[in-house]
Amino acid sequence: MKNIFVGNLSFKTSEQDIRSLFESYGTVDRVNVVTDRDTGQPRGFAFVEMSSDAEGDKAITSLNGTDVDGRTLNINEARPKTSGGGGGGGYGRKPSRW
């Protein structure tokens, strides 16, 4: 399975638009358009999961740099989420009692 990052999306690009774009290169298992937690508005990027690594690689090579809805897409293999993602734990700040 290939997990693909799709960046620089127009806010009007739908999940179905992205699915249609990638389906011409193989089987699309899942499309996730990332939205803002508070407003529900799209954040301008998405993740696409494709069944086959070869199909995913072909889609990345073919679609990176293409124009969709007036935006040049930035498409590459998604990097695994790193652990410990910065929840603002206060490192580097003095405690309030100082």
N, C-alpha and C. Protein backbone atom coordinates (compact mmCIF):
# COMPACT_ATOMS: atom_id res chain seq x y z
N MET A 1 0.85 -1.18 0.00
CA MET A 1 0.00 0.00 0.00
C MET A 1 0.89 1.24 0.00
N LYS A 2 0.48 2.25 -0.74
CA LYS A 2 1.23 3.50 -0.85
C LYS A 2 0.38 4.63 -0.29
N ASN A 3 0.94 5.38 0.67
CA ASN A 3 0.27 6.53 1.25
C ASN A 3 0.89 7.78 0.63
N ILE A 4 0.05 8.62 0.01
CA ILE A 4 0.52 9.74 -0.79
C ILE A 4 0.01 11.06 -0.22
N PHE A 5 0.92 12.03 -0.11
CA PHE A 5 0.57 13.38 0.31
C PHE A 5 0.26 14.21 -0.93
N VAL A 6 -0.85 14.94 -0.88
CA VAL A 6 -1.25 15.82 -1.98
C VAL A 6 -1.37 17.22 -1.40
N GLY A 7 -0.46 18.10 -1.77
CA GLY A 7 -0.44 19.45 -1.21
C GLY A 7 -0.75 20.52 -2.23
N ASN A 8 -1.02 21.71 -1.74
CA ASN A 8 -1.34 22.90 -2.52
C ASN A 8 -2.68 22.76 -3.24
N LEU A 9 -3.62 22.10 -2.59
CA LEU A 9 -4.96 21.95 -3.16
C LEU A 9 -5.76 23.23 -3.02
N SER A 10 -6.59 23.49 -4.01
CA SER A 10 -7.56 24.57 -3.89
C SER A 10 -8.57 24.16 -2.83
N PHE A 11 -9.11 25.12 -2.11
CA PHE A 11 -10.08 24.80 -1.07
C PHE A 11 -11.38 24.26 -1.66
N LYS A 12 -11.59 24.44 -2.97
CA LYS A 12 -12.81 23.94 -3.60
C LYS A 12 -12.64 22.54 -4.19
N THR A 13 -11.41 21.99 -4.18
CA THR A 13 -11.18 20.65 -4.70
C THR A 13 -11.79 19.63 -3.75
N SER A 14 -12.66 18.77 -4.28
CA SER A 14 -13.38 17.81 -3.44
C SER A 14 -12.65 16.47 -3.36
N GLU A 15 -13.09 15.66 -2.41
CA GLU A 15 -12.57 14.31 -2.27
C GLU A 15 -12.78 13.53 -3.56
N GLN A 16 -13.94 13.69 -4.17
CA GLN A 16 -14.24 12.99 -5.43
C GLN A 16 -13.33 13.45 -6.55
N ASP A 17 -13.00 14.75 -6.61
CA ASP A 17 -12.07 15.26 -7.62
C ASP A 17 -10.71 14.57 -7.49
N ILE A 18 -10.24 14.45 -6.26
CA ILE A 18 -8.93 13.83 -6.01
C ILE A 18 -8.98 12.35 -6.35
N ARG A 19 -10.04 11.68 -5.95
CA ARG A 19 -10.21 10.25 -6.25
C ARG A 19 -10.17 10.02 -7.76
N SER A 20 -10.91 10.83 -8.50
CA SER A 20 -10.95 10.68 -9.96
C SER A 20 -9.58 10.88 -10.59
N LEU A 21 -8.83 11.84 -10.06
CA LEU A 21 -7.50 12.13 -10.56
C LEU A 21 -6.57 10.92 -10.40
N PHE A 22 -6.62 10.28 -9.24
CA PHE A 22 -5.72 9.17 -8.93
C PHE A 22 -6.20 7.83 -9.49
N GLU A 23 -7.50 7.66 -9.68
CA GLU A 23 -8.02 6.37 -10.16
C GLU A 23 -7.53 6.02 -11.56
N SER A 24 -7.11 6.99 -12.32
CA SER A 24 -6.59 6.68 -13.65
C SER A 24 -5.23 5.97 -13.58
N TYR A 25 -4.64 5.91 -12.38
CA TYR A 25 -3.34 5.25 -12.20
C TYR A 25 -3.46 3.95 -11.40
N GLY A 26 -4.63 3.64 -10.87
CA GLY A 26 -4.80 2.40 -10.12
C GLY A 26 -5.93 2.50 -9.12
N THR A 27 -5.98 1.52 -8.25
CA THR A 27 -7.05 1.42 -7.26
C THR A 27 -6.78 2.36 -6.09
N VAL A 28 -7.75 3.22 -5.82
CA VAL A 28 -7.66 4.16 -4.69
C VAL A 28 -8.47 3.56 -3.54
N ASP A 29 -7.79 3.28 -2.43
CA ASP A 29 -8.47 2.71 -1.27
C ASP A 29 -9.15 3.78 -0.43
N ARG A 30 -8.49 4.94 -0.32
CA ARG A 30 -9.02 5.96 0.59
C ARG A 30 -8.50 7.34 0.20
N VAL A 31 -9.34 8.35 0.35
CA VAL A 31 -8.95 9.74 0.18
C VAL A 31 -9.36 10.48 1.44
N ASN A 32 -8.44 11.25 2.01
CA ASN A 32 -8.74 12.00 3.22
C ASN A 32 -8.34 13.46 2.99
N VAL A 33 -9.33 14.32 2.77
CA VAL A 33 -9.07 15.76 2.66
C VAL A 33 -9.01 16.30 4.08
N VAL A 34 -7.89 16.87 4.46
CA VAL A 34 -7.69 17.34 5.83
C VAL A 34 -8.42 18.67 6.02
N THR A 35 -9.20 18.73 7.10
CA THR A 35 -9.98 19.93 7.39
C THR A 35 -9.56 20.52 8.74
N ASP A 36 -9.83 21.80 8.89
CA ASP A 36 -9.55 22.50 10.14
C ASP A 36 -10.48 21.97 11.22
N ARG A 37 -9.94 21.69 12.37
CA ARG A 37 -10.70 21.12 13.47
C ARG A 37 -11.83 22.04 13.94
N ASP A 38 -11.57 23.35 13.95
CA ASP A 38 -12.55 24.30 14.47
C ASP A 38 -13.59 24.72 13.42
N THR A 39 -13.14 25.00 12.20
CA THR A 39 -14.06 25.54 11.20
C THR A 39 -14.62 24.49 10.25
N GLY A 40 -13.95 23.34 10.13
CA GLY A 40 -14.39 22.32 9.19
C GLY A 40 -14.00 22.63 7.75
N GLN A 41 -13.31 23.74 7.53
CA GLN A 41 -12.88 24.12 6.18
C GLN A 41 -11.65 23.32 5.77
N PRO A 42 -11.52 23.00 4.47
CA PRO A 42 -10.33 22.28 4.00
C PRO A 42 -9.06 23.08 4.29
N ARG A 43 -7.97 22.37 4.57
CA ARG A 43 -6.70 23.03 4.89
C ARG A 43 -5.76 23.09 3.70
N GLY A 44 -6.18 22.56 2.55
CA GLY A 44 -5.37 22.67 1.34
C GLY A 44 -4.47 21.48 1.07
N PHE A 45 -4.68 20.38 1.81
CA PHE A 45 -3.92 19.18 1.50
C PHE A 45 -4.74 17.95 1.83
N ALA A 46 -4.29 16.81 1.29
CA ALA A 46 -5.03 15.56 1.46
C ALA A 46 -4.04 14.40 1.45
N PHE A 47 -4.55 13.23 1.83
CA PHE A 47 -3.79 12.00 1.74
C PHE A 47 -4.59 11.01 0.92
N VAL A 48 -3.87 10.28 0.05
CA VAL A 48 -4.49 9.27 -0.80
C VAL A 48 -3.78 7.95 -0.52
N GLU A 49 -4.56 6.89 -0.28
CA GLU A 49 -3.98 5.55 -0.11
C GLU A 49 -4.32 4.74 -1.36
N MET A 50 -3.28 4.18 -1.97
CA MET A 50 -3.46 3.34 -3.15
C MET A 50 -3.02 1.93 -2.80
N SER A 51 -3.69 0.94 -3.39
CA SER A 51 -3.44 -0.47 -3.07
C SER A 51 -2.03 -0.92 -3.41
N SER A 52 -1.53 -0.49 -4.55
CA SER A 52 -0.26 -0.97 -5.05
C SER A 52 0.82 0.11 -4.95
N ASP A 53 2.01 -0.28 -4.49
CA ASP A 53 3.13 0.66 -4.45
C ASP A 53 3.48 1.14 -5.85
N ALA A 54 3.47 0.23 -6.81
CA ALA A 54 3.82 0.58 -8.19
C ALA A 54 2.83 1.59 -8.76
N GLU A 55 1.54 1.37 -8.52
CA GLU A 55 0.52 2.31 -8.99
C GLU A 55 0.68 3.67 -8.31
N GLY A 56 0.97 3.64 -7.02
CA GLY A 56 1.18 4.87 -6.28
C GLY A 56 2.37 5.65 -6.79
N ASP A 57 3.47 4.94 -7.05
CA ASP A 57 4.67 5.60 -7.59
C ASP A 57 4.38 6.22 -8.94
N LYS A 58 3.64 5.52 -9.79
CA LYS A 58 3.27 6.03 -11.11
C LYS A 58 2.42 7.30 -10.97
N ALA A 59 1.46 7.29 -10.04
CA ALA A 59 0.60 8.45 -9.82
C ALA A 59 1.42 9.64 -9.33
N ILE A 60 2.35 9.41 -8.41
CA ILE A 60 3.19 10.48 -7.88
C ILE A 60 4.00 11.11 -9.02
N THR A 61 4.67 10.26 -9.79
CA THR A 61 5.50 10.74 -10.89
C THR A 61 4.68 11.51 -11.93
N SER A 62 3.51 10.99 -12.24
CA SER A 62 2.69 11.59 -13.30
C SER A 62 1.96 12.85 -12.86
N LEU A 63 1.52 12.92 -11.60
CA LEU A 63 0.66 14.01 -11.16
C LEU A 63 1.38 15.16 -10.47
N ASN A 64 2.58 14.92 -9.95
CA ASN A 64 3.30 15.99 -9.26
C ASN A 64 3.56 17.14 -10.23
N GLY A 65 3.17 18.34 -9.82
CA GLY A 65 3.38 19.52 -10.65
C GLY A 65 2.23 19.82 -11.62
N THR A 66 1.19 18.99 -11.62
CA THR A 66 0.06 19.25 -12.51
C THR A 66 -0.84 20.33 -11.92
N ASP A 67 -1.61 20.96 -12.79
CA ASP A 67 -2.51 22.04 -12.39
C ASP A 67 -3.92 21.48 -12.18
N VAL A 68 -4.48 21.72 -10.99
CA VAL A 68 -5.85 21.33 -10.68
C VAL A 68 -6.53 22.52 -10.01
N ASP A 69 -7.63 22.96 -10.57
CA ASP A 69 -8.37 24.11 -10.04
C ASP A 69 -7.48 25.34 -9.87
N GLY A 70 -6.55 25.53 -10.81
CA GLY A 70 -5.70 26.72 -10.77
C GLY A 70 -4.53 26.64 -9.82
N ARG A 71 -4.28 25.47 -9.23
CA ARG A 71 -3.16 25.30 -8.28
C ARG A 71 -2.22 24.21 -8.79
N THR A 72 -0.91 24.42 -8.63
CA THR A 72 0.08 23.42 -9.01
C THR A 72 0.25 22.46 -7.84
N LEU A 73 -0.09 21.19 -8.05
CA LEU A 73 -0.07 20.21 -6.96
C LEU A 73 1.35 19.80 -6.59
N ASN A 74 1.54 19.58 -5.30
CA ASN A 74 2.78 19.06 -4.75
C ASN A 74 2.44 17.66 -4.23
N ILE A 75 2.92 16.64 -4.93
CA ILE A 75 2.54 15.27 -4.61
C ILE A 75 3.80 14.46 -4.35
N ASN A 76 3.83 13.77 -3.20
CA ASN A 76 4.95 12.88 -2.89
C ASN A 76 4.50 11.83 -1.90
N GLU A 77 5.37 10.87 -1.64
CA GLU A 77 5.04 9.82 -0.68
C GLU A 77 4.93 10.45 0.71
N ALA A 78 3.86 10.12 1.40
CA ALA A 78 3.65 10.67 2.75
C ALA A 78 4.68 10.09 3.70
N ARG A 79 5.21 10.96 4.54
CA ARG A 79 6.15 10.51 5.57
C ARG A 79 5.35 10.01 6.77
N PRO A 80 5.85 8.98 7.43
CA PRO A 80 5.14 8.50 8.62
C PRO A 80 5.06 9.60 9.68
N LYS A 81 3.97 9.62 10.40
CA LYS A 81 3.79 10.60 11.47
C LYS A 81 4.80 10.32 12.57
N THR A 82 5.52 11.36 12.98
CA THR A 82 6.51 11.17 14.03
C THR A 82 5.84 11.18 15.40
N SER A 83 6.40 10.44 16.32
CA SER A 83 5.80 10.38 17.65
C SER A 83 6.17 11.62 18.43
N GLY A 84 5.37 11.95 19.40
CA GLY A 84 5.66 13.06 20.29
C GLY A 84 5.27 14.42 19.74
N GLY A 85 4.47 14.47 18.70
CA GLY A 85 4.14 15.70 18.01
C GLY A 85 3.91 16.92 18.84
N GLY A 86 4.50 17.81 19.10
CA GLY A 86 4.55 19.02 19.85
C GLY A 86 3.28 19.52 20.47
N GLY A 87 2.73 19.02 21.45
CA GLY A 87 1.50 19.52 22.03
C GLY A 87 1.67 20.75 22.88
N GLY A 88 2.75 21.48 22.76
CA GLY A 88 2.93 22.71 23.52
C GLY A 88 3.18 22.44 24.99
N GLY A 89 4.00 21.49 25.31
CA GLY A 89 4.24 21.10 26.69
C GLY A 89 5.01 22.10 27.52
N GLY A 90 5.38 23.22 26.95
CA GLY A 90 6.02 24.25 27.74
C GLY A 90 7.52 24.16 27.81
N TYR A 91 8.14 23.32 27.02
CA TYR A 91 9.59 23.23 27.03
C TYR A 91 10.18 24.56 26.58
N GLY A 92 11.22 24.97 27.26
CA GLY A 92 11.89 26.20 26.89
C GLY A 92 11.29 27.44 27.50
N ARG A 93 10.25 27.30 28.29
CA ARG A 93 9.65 28.47 28.96
C ARG A 93 9.89 28.35 30.45
N LYS A 94 10.03 29.51 31.07
CA LYS A 94 10.20 29.52 32.52
C LYS A 94 8.85 29.25 33.19
N PRO A 95 8.87 28.52 34.29
CA PRO A 95 7.62 28.35 35.03
C PRO A 95 7.11 29.71 35.50
N SER A 96 5.84 29.85 35.65
CA SER A 96 5.23 31.14 35.99
C SER A 96 5.67 31.65 37.37
N ARG A 97 6.16 30.80 38.22
CA ARG A 97 6.56 31.26 39.55
C ARG A 97 7.92 31.95 39.54
N TRP A 98 8.65 31.96 38.43
CA TRP A 98 9.95 32.62 38.39
C TRP A 98 9.83 34.02 38.03
